N, C-alpha and C. Protein backbone atom coordinates (compact mmCIF):
# COMPACT_ATOMS: atom_id res chain seq x y z
N MET A 1 0.84 -1.18 0.00
CA MET A 1 0.00 0.00 0.00
C MET A 1 0.88 1.23 0.00
N ASP A 2 0.60 2.13 -0.91
CA ASP A 2 1.37 3.36 -0.96
C ASP A 2 0.97 4.31 0.17
N SER A 3 -0.32 4.44 0.39
CA SER A 3 -0.75 5.37 1.44
C SER A 3 -2.14 5.02 1.91
N ILE A 4 -2.38 5.35 3.17
CA ILE A 4 -3.71 5.21 3.74
C ILE A 4 -4.03 6.54 4.41
N LEU A 5 -5.16 7.11 4.04
CA LEU A 5 -5.61 8.35 4.64
C LEU A 5 -6.91 8.07 5.37
N SER A 6 -7.08 8.66 6.52
CA SER A 6 -8.29 8.44 7.28
C SER A 6 -8.75 9.75 7.91
N ASP A 7 -10.06 9.90 8.01
CA ASP A 7 -10.62 11.11 8.59
C ASP A 7 -11.91 10.73 9.31
N VAL A 8 -12.01 11.08 10.59
CA VAL A 8 -13.23 10.81 11.35
C VAL A 8 -13.89 12.15 11.65
N THR A 9 -15.19 12.21 11.43
CA THR A 9 -15.92 13.46 11.58
C THR A 9 -17.17 13.25 12.43
N LEU A 10 -17.45 14.19 13.31
CA LEU A 10 -18.70 14.21 14.05
C LEU A 10 -19.64 15.16 13.32
N VAL A 11 -20.76 14.62 12.83
CA VAL A 11 -21.73 15.40 12.07
C VAL A 11 -22.75 15.97 13.05
N SER A 12 -23.44 17.00 12.64
CA SER A 12 -24.47 17.63 13.47
C SER A 12 -25.39 16.59 14.09
N SER A 13 -25.70 16.76 15.37
CA SER A 13 -26.52 15.78 16.08
C SER A 13 -27.97 15.74 15.62
N SER A 14 -28.38 16.65 14.75
CA SER A 14 -29.75 16.63 14.24
C SER A 14 -29.94 15.51 13.21
N GLN A 15 -28.84 14.96 12.70
CA GLN A 15 -28.91 13.87 11.73
C GLN A 15 -28.78 12.53 12.46
N PRO A 16 -29.50 11.50 12.01
CA PRO A 16 -29.42 10.21 12.68
C PRO A 16 -28.05 9.54 12.51
N TRP A 17 -27.35 9.84 11.42
CA TRP A 17 -26.02 9.25 11.17
C TRP A 17 -24.97 10.26 11.64
N GLU A 18 -24.72 10.29 12.95
CA GLU A 18 -23.90 11.33 13.55
C GLU A 18 -22.40 11.19 13.30
N PHE A 19 -21.92 9.98 13.12
CA PHE A 19 -20.48 9.76 13.04
C PHE A 19 -20.09 9.25 11.66
N SER A 20 -18.99 9.78 11.14
CA SER A 20 -18.54 9.33 9.83
C SER A 20 -17.02 9.27 9.78
N SER A 21 -16.54 8.50 8.84
CA SER A 21 -15.10 8.36 8.65
C SER A 21 -14.84 8.02 7.19
N ASP A 22 -13.74 8.55 6.66
CA ASP A 22 -13.35 8.26 5.28
C ASP A 22 -11.98 7.59 5.28
N LEU A 23 -11.82 6.63 4.40
CA LEU A 23 -10.57 5.89 4.26
C LEU A 23 -10.21 5.86 2.79
N GLU A 24 -8.96 6.11 2.48
CA GLU A 24 -8.49 6.09 1.10
C GLU A 24 -7.19 5.30 1.05
N VAL A 25 -7.14 4.27 0.19
CA VAL A 25 -5.94 3.45 0.03
C VAL A 25 -5.51 3.51 -1.42
N ASP A 26 -4.26 3.88 -1.64
CA ASP A 26 -3.72 4.02 -3.00
C ASP A 26 -3.06 2.71 -3.42
N TYR A 27 -3.64 2.05 -4.43
CA TYR A 27 -3.09 0.81 -4.96
C TYR A 27 -2.29 1.04 -6.24
N GLY A 28 -2.23 2.26 -6.70
CA GLY A 28 -1.43 2.58 -7.87
C GLY A 28 -2.14 2.47 -9.20
N THR A 29 -3.02 1.48 -9.35
CA THR A 29 -3.78 1.32 -10.59
C THR A 29 -5.23 1.00 -10.27
N ASP A 30 -6.11 1.35 -11.20
CA ASP A 30 -7.53 1.01 -11.04
C ASP A 30 -7.73 -0.50 -10.99
N GLU A 31 -6.92 -1.23 -11.76
CA GLU A 31 -7.06 -2.70 -11.80
C GLU A 31 -6.89 -3.30 -10.41
N TYR A 32 -5.83 -2.93 -9.70
CA TYR A 32 -5.58 -3.48 -8.37
C TYR A 32 -6.63 -3.00 -7.36
N ALA A 33 -7.00 -1.73 -7.46
CA ALA A 33 -8.02 -1.19 -6.56
C ALA A 33 -9.35 -1.91 -6.78
N HIS A 34 -9.69 -2.21 -8.05
CA HIS A 34 -10.93 -2.93 -8.34
C HIS A 34 -10.89 -4.37 -7.83
N MET A 35 -9.72 -4.99 -7.86
CA MET A 35 -9.59 -6.35 -7.33
C MET A 35 -9.93 -6.37 -5.84
N VAL A 36 -9.37 -5.43 -5.10
CA VAL A 36 -9.65 -5.36 -3.66
C VAL A 36 -11.10 -4.97 -3.43
N TYR A 37 -11.61 -4.01 -4.20
CA TYR A 37 -13.01 -3.61 -4.10
C TYR A 37 -13.93 -4.82 -4.27
N SER A 38 -13.68 -5.61 -5.30
CA SER A 38 -14.51 -6.78 -5.58
C SER A 38 -14.46 -7.80 -4.45
N ALA A 39 -13.29 -7.96 -3.87
CA ALA A 39 -13.16 -8.91 -2.76
C ALA A 39 -13.92 -8.44 -1.52
N LEU A 40 -13.93 -7.14 -1.28
CA LEU A 40 -14.54 -6.59 -0.06
C LEU A 40 -16.02 -6.27 -0.22
N ASP A 41 -16.47 -6.07 -1.44
CA ASP A 41 -17.85 -5.67 -1.68
C ASP A 41 -18.87 -6.73 -1.26
N VAL A 42 -18.46 -7.98 -1.27
CA VAL A 42 -19.39 -9.06 -0.90
C VAL A 42 -19.64 -9.12 0.60
N ASP A 43 -18.78 -8.49 1.39
CA ASP A 43 -18.92 -8.49 2.85
C ASP A 43 -19.75 -7.28 3.27
N LYS A 44 -21.05 -7.49 3.40
CA LYS A 44 -21.96 -6.39 3.74
C LYS A 44 -21.95 -6.12 5.24
N GLU A 45 -22.39 -4.93 5.62
CA GLU A 45 -22.49 -4.57 7.04
C GLU A 45 -23.51 -5.47 7.74
N LEU A 46 -23.18 -5.90 8.94
CA LEU A 46 -24.08 -6.78 9.69
C LEU A 46 -25.27 -6.03 10.27
N GLN A 47 -25.11 -4.74 10.53
CA GLN A 47 -26.19 -3.92 11.07
C GLN A 47 -26.38 -2.68 10.19
N PRO A 48 -27.00 -2.87 9.02
CA PRO A 48 -27.13 -1.74 8.09
C PRO A 48 -28.02 -0.61 8.63
N ASP A 49 -28.79 -0.88 9.66
CA ASP A 49 -29.60 0.18 10.28
C ASP A 49 -28.76 1.05 11.22
N LYS A 50 -27.53 0.60 11.53
CA LYS A 50 -26.66 1.35 12.43
C LYS A 50 -25.37 1.84 11.78
N VAL A 51 -24.94 1.14 10.71
CA VAL A 51 -23.70 1.50 10.02
C VAL A 51 -23.91 1.42 8.52
N LYS A 52 -23.44 2.44 7.81
CA LYS A 52 -23.46 2.43 6.34
C LYS A 52 -22.01 2.50 5.85
N ARG A 53 -21.72 1.72 4.80
CA ARG A 53 -20.39 1.76 4.19
C ARG A 53 -20.57 1.90 2.68
N GLN A 54 -19.91 2.90 2.11
CA GLN A 54 -19.95 3.12 0.67
C GLN A 54 -18.52 3.06 0.15
N MET A 55 -18.32 2.25 -0.91
CA MET A 55 -16.99 2.11 -1.49
C MET A 55 -17.00 2.54 -2.94
N SER A 56 -15.86 3.06 -3.38
CA SER A 56 -15.69 3.40 -4.79
C SER A 56 -14.20 3.31 -5.13
N VAL A 57 -13.92 3.31 -6.43
CA VAL A 57 -12.54 3.30 -6.91
C VAL A 57 -12.36 4.51 -7.82
N SER A 58 -11.27 5.23 -7.61
CA SER A 58 -10.96 6.40 -8.43
C SER A 58 -9.45 6.59 -8.50
N GLU A 59 -8.94 6.67 -9.72
CA GLU A 59 -7.52 6.94 -9.95
C GLU A 59 -6.61 6.00 -9.17
N GLY A 60 -6.93 4.71 -9.17
CA GLY A 60 -6.10 3.71 -8.50
C GLY A 60 -6.27 3.66 -6.99
N LYS A 61 -7.26 4.38 -6.48
CA LYS A 61 -7.49 4.41 -5.04
C LYS A 61 -8.82 3.77 -4.68
N LEU A 62 -8.81 3.00 -3.60
CA LEU A 62 -10.04 2.49 -3.01
C LEU A 62 -10.49 3.53 -2.00
N ILE A 63 -11.70 4.04 -2.17
CA ILE A 63 -12.23 5.08 -1.30
C ILE A 63 -13.43 4.51 -0.55
N VAL A 64 -13.40 4.63 0.77
CA VAL A 64 -14.46 4.05 1.60
C VAL A 64 -14.99 5.13 2.53
N HIS A 65 -16.32 5.25 2.60
CA HIS A 65 -16.98 6.21 3.49
C HIS A 65 -17.88 5.43 4.44
N PHE A 66 -17.69 5.66 5.73
CA PHE A 66 -18.50 5.02 6.77
C PHE A 66 -19.38 6.07 7.43
N GLU A 67 -20.59 5.68 7.82
CA GLU A 67 -21.46 6.51 8.65
C GLU A 67 -22.10 5.60 9.68
N ALA A 68 -22.26 6.10 10.91
CA ALA A 68 -22.85 5.29 11.97
C ALA A 68 -23.66 6.17 12.91
N VAL A 69 -24.57 5.52 13.61
CA VAL A 69 -25.42 6.25 14.56
C VAL A 69 -24.72 6.46 15.90
N GLU A 70 -23.72 5.62 16.20
CA GLU A 70 -22.95 5.76 17.44
C GLU A 70 -21.47 5.52 17.15
N ALA A 71 -20.62 6.14 17.95
CA ALA A 71 -19.17 6.00 17.75
C ALA A 71 -18.72 4.55 17.88
N ARG A 72 -19.32 3.79 18.79
CA ARG A 72 -18.88 2.40 18.98
C ARG A 72 -19.18 1.54 17.75
N PHE A 73 -20.28 1.82 17.05
CA PHE A 73 -20.59 1.07 15.82
C PHE A 73 -19.61 1.45 14.71
N LEU A 74 -19.27 2.73 14.65
CA LEU A 74 -18.29 3.18 13.66
C LEU A 74 -16.94 2.51 13.92
N ARG A 75 -16.50 2.51 15.16
CA ARG A 75 -15.22 1.90 15.51
C ARG A 75 -15.18 0.42 15.18
N ALA A 76 -16.23 -0.31 15.54
CA ALA A 76 -16.28 -1.75 15.29
C ALA A 76 -16.28 -2.05 13.79
N SER A 77 -17.07 -1.31 13.04
CA SER A 77 -17.15 -1.53 11.60
C SER A 77 -15.83 -1.19 10.92
N TYR A 78 -15.26 -0.06 11.30
CA TYR A 78 -13.99 0.40 10.72
C TYR A 78 -12.88 -0.61 11.02
N SER A 79 -12.81 -1.06 12.26
CA SER A 79 -11.79 -2.02 12.67
C SER A 79 -11.91 -3.34 11.92
N SER A 80 -13.12 -3.86 11.81
CA SER A 80 -13.35 -5.11 11.08
C SER A 80 -13.00 -4.95 9.61
N PHE A 81 -13.37 -3.81 9.05
CA PHE A 81 -13.07 -3.56 7.65
C PHE A 81 -11.57 -3.51 7.41
N LEU A 82 -10.82 -2.86 8.31
CA LEU A 82 -9.37 -2.80 8.15
C LEU A 82 -8.75 -4.20 8.20
N ASP A 83 -9.30 -5.08 9.02
CA ASP A 83 -8.80 -6.46 9.07
C ASP A 83 -8.94 -7.15 7.72
N ILE A 84 -10.13 -7.06 7.12
CA ILE A 84 -10.32 -7.75 5.83
C ILE A 84 -9.61 -7.02 4.69
N LEU A 85 -9.48 -5.69 4.81
CA LEU A 85 -8.72 -4.93 3.82
C LEU A 85 -7.26 -5.35 3.84
N THR A 86 -6.70 -5.52 5.02
CA THR A 86 -5.32 -5.97 5.16
C THR A 86 -5.14 -7.35 4.56
N LEU A 87 -6.07 -8.25 4.83
CA LEU A 87 -6.01 -9.60 4.27
C LEU A 87 -6.09 -9.57 2.75
N ALA A 88 -7.00 -8.79 2.20
CA ALA A 88 -7.13 -8.70 0.74
C ALA A 88 -5.87 -8.12 0.11
N THR A 89 -5.29 -7.12 0.74
CA THR A 89 -4.08 -6.50 0.22
C THR A 89 -2.90 -7.46 0.27
N LYS A 90 -2.75 -8.17 1.38
CA LYS A 90 -1.66 -9.15 1.49
C LYS A 90 -1.83 -10.28 0.48
N THR A 91 -3.06 -10.69 0.24
CA THR A 91 -3.32 -11.73 -0.76
C THR A 91 -2.93 -11.23 -2.15
N LEU A 92 -3.28 -10.01 -2.46
CA LEU A 92 -2.91 -9.42 -3.75
C LEU A 92 -1.39 -9.32 -3.88
N GLU A 93 -0.72 -8.92 -2.81
CA GLU A 93 0.75 -8.85 -2.83
C GLU A 93 1.38 -10.23 -3.05
N GLU A 94 0.82 -11.24 -2.39
CA GLU A 94 1.38 -12.58 -2.45
C GLU A 94 1.16 -13.26 -3.80
N PHE A 95 -0.04 -13.12 -4.34
CA PHE A 95 -0.40 -13.88 -5.54
C PHE A 95 -0.51 -13.04 -6.81
N GLY A 96 -0.44 -11.73 -6.68
CA GLY A 96 -0.47 -10.86 -7.85
C GLY A 96 0.86 -10.94 -8.59
N PRO A 97 0.86 -10.64 -9.88
CA PRO A 97 2.08 -10.74 -10.68
C PRO A 97 3.10 -9.65 -10.34
N GLY A 98 4.02 -9.96 -9.41
CA GLY A 98 5.09 -9.03 -9.08
C GLY A 98 4.65 -7.78 -8.35
N LEU A 99 3.61 -7.86 -7.54
CA LEU A 99 3.09 -6.68 -6.86
C LEU A 99 3.72 -6.50 -5.49
N LYS A 100 4.01 -5.27 -5.14
CA LYS A 100 4.41 -4.90 -3.79
C LYS A 100 3.84 -3.51 -3.53
N PHE A 101 3.13 -3.35 -2.44
CA PHE A 101 2.53 -2.05 -2.11
C PHE A 101 3.28 -1.42 -0.97
């Protein structure tokens, strides 16, 4: 991985989705970012009424936006996602043709 950027924001309390966080991982090419996206997209949130996750790929980067109704749900979702993101990235590094991030 070239870089990981993260940002956690507290949104106005008048909205039900008070907590949000953005994650950006640079894979260098759209192809590699799409491979990781495809691997992670099948793993849906277990509590979609409490946590939302939106993913996209742009300019070789996997971009993920989280929103949650409570900080603890955001933390749990974000932490679990980082675990599977790390696994997907290590798998790509191990089995991809000459890849190192």
